[in-house]
Amino acid sequence: MVEEGDGRPRGIFGMSEDKAQEGRSRSVRDNVSEFFSENSAEFHRISWPKGKELVETTLVVLAFIVGLSVTVLVFDKVIEHALRLVLGA
């Protein structure tokens, strides 16, 4: 068990024991409602990319995937050729 900055013990997931006990006494409906409320608030704080930035980063990812695929293909063909030479197939 880890202690908080104020010396109180913390339980699982870093939640204080008091908060964990409070969570057990609340109904499932209250917990689910709080979860979705906090989730919604968190989504509003996200800094979503603008259209241009989204297109640019997508193109970078696609270029990386193509480059990596070509690299793997080249290594595969080199190893295949080397094995054919060694095994005489």
Protein backbone atom coordinates (compact mmCIF):
# COMPACT_ATOMS: atom_id res chain seq x y z
CA MET A 1 0.00 0.00 0.00
CA VAL A 2 1.33 3.42 -0.98
CA GLU A 3 0.89 6.57 1.05
CA GLU A 4 -0.44 9.83 -0.35
CA GLY A 5 1.37 13.12 0.13
CA ASP A 6 -0.73 13.70 3.26
CA GLY A 7 0.27 10.30 4.69
CA ARG A 8 -3.06 8.56 4.08
CA PRO A 9 -2.78 5.05 2.64
CA ARG A 10 -3.83 4.56 -0.97
CA GLY A 11 -5.62 1.48 -2.23
CA ILE A 12 -5.86 -0.08 -5.63
CA PHE A 13 -5.58 2.25 -8.66
CA GLY A 14 -4.13 4.99 -6.47
CA MET A 15 -7.49 5.73 -4.87
CA SER A 16 -7.49 6.69 -1.22
CA GLU A 17 -9.08 4.17 1.11
CA ASP A 18 -11.75 6.75 2.05
CA LYS A 19 -12.66 7.26 -1.61
CA ALA A 20 -12.67 3.50 -2.23
CA GLN A 21 -15.02 2.95 0.71
CA GLU A 22 -17.27 5.74 -0.52
CA GLY A 23 -17.37 4.06 -3.96
CA ARG A 24 -18.49 0.77 -2.41
CA SER A 25 -21.40 2.39 -0.61
CA ARG A 26 -22.71 4.16 -3.74
CA SER A 27 -25.04 2.46 -6.17
CA VAL A 28 -23.91 1.06 -9.49
CA ARG A 29 -26.14 3.61 -11.23
CA ASP A 30 -24.35 6.47 -9.44
CA ASN A 31 -20.93 5.05 -10.34
CA VAL A 32 -21.86 4.57 -14.00
CA SER A 33 -23.41 8.02 -14.16
CA GLU A 34 -20.30 9.60 -12.65
CA PHE A 35 -18.06 7.67 -15.04
CA PHE A 36 -19.89 8.94 -18.14
CA SER A 37 -20.07 12.46 -16.76
CA GLU A 38 -16.31 12.54 -16.13
CA ASN A 39 -15.68 10.87 -19.49
CA SER A 40 -17.69 13.54 -21.29
CA ALA A 41 -15.86 16.32 -19.48
CA GLU A 42 -12.52 14.75 -20.41
CA PHE A 43 -13.46 14.59 -24.10
CA HIS A 44 -14.18 18.32 -24.07
CA ARG A 45 -10.64 19.01 -22.80
CA ILE A 46 -8.99 17.07 -25.64
CA SER A 47 -7.15 19.17 -28.20
CA TRP A 48 -8.40 17.63 -31.45
CA PRO A 49 -6.23 18.14 -34.56
CA LYS A 50 -7.38 20.49 -37.31
CA GLY A 51 -8.04 19.15 -40.82
CA LYS A 52 -4.66 20.13 -42.29
CA GLU A 53 -2.72 18.66 -39.36
CA LEU A 54 -4.77 15.46 -39.57
CA VAL A 55 -4.02 15.05 -43.29
CA GLU A 56 -0.31 15.77 -42.79
CA THR A 57 0.14 13.30 -39.95
CA THR A 58 -1.88 10.68 -41.83
CA LEU A 59 0.41 11.08 -44.85
CA VAL A 60 3.48 10.76 -42.62
CA VAL A 61 2.13 7.53 -41.12
CA LEU A 62 1.27 6.12 -44.55
CA ALA A 63 4.74 7.03 -45.90
CA PHE A 64 6.34 5.34 -42.88
CA ILE A 65 4.26 2.19 -43.45
CA VAL A 66 5.19 2.08 -47.14
CA GLY A 67 8.88 2.62 -46.32
CA LEU A 68 8.86 -0.06 -43.65
CA SER A 69 7.05 -2.48 -45.99
CA VAL A 70 9.64 -1.93 -48.72
CA THR A 71 12.46 -2.42 -46.19
CA VAL A 72 10.97 -5.70 -44.98
CA LEU A 73 10.45 -6.83 -48.59
CA VAL A 74 14.09 -6.10 -49.47
CA PHE A 75 15.40 -7.96 -46.41
CA ASP A 76 13.07 -10.87 -47.15
CA LYS A 77 14.32 -11.12 -50.75
CA VAL A 78 17.98 -10.88 -49.67
CA ILE A 79 17.52 -13.63 -47.09
CA GLU A 80 15.57 -15.74 -49.59
CA HIS A 81 18.36 -15.36 -52.17
CA ALA A 82 21.05 -16.19 -49.59
CA LEU A 83 19.18 -19.33 -48.50
CA ARG A 84 18.79 -20.45 -52.13
CA LEU A 85 22.55 -20.07 -52.61
CA VAL A 86 23.39 -21.94 -49.39
CA LEU A 87 20.84 -24.73 -49.82
CA GLY A 88 21.34 -25.01 -53.58
CA ALA A 89 17.66 -24.92 -54.39
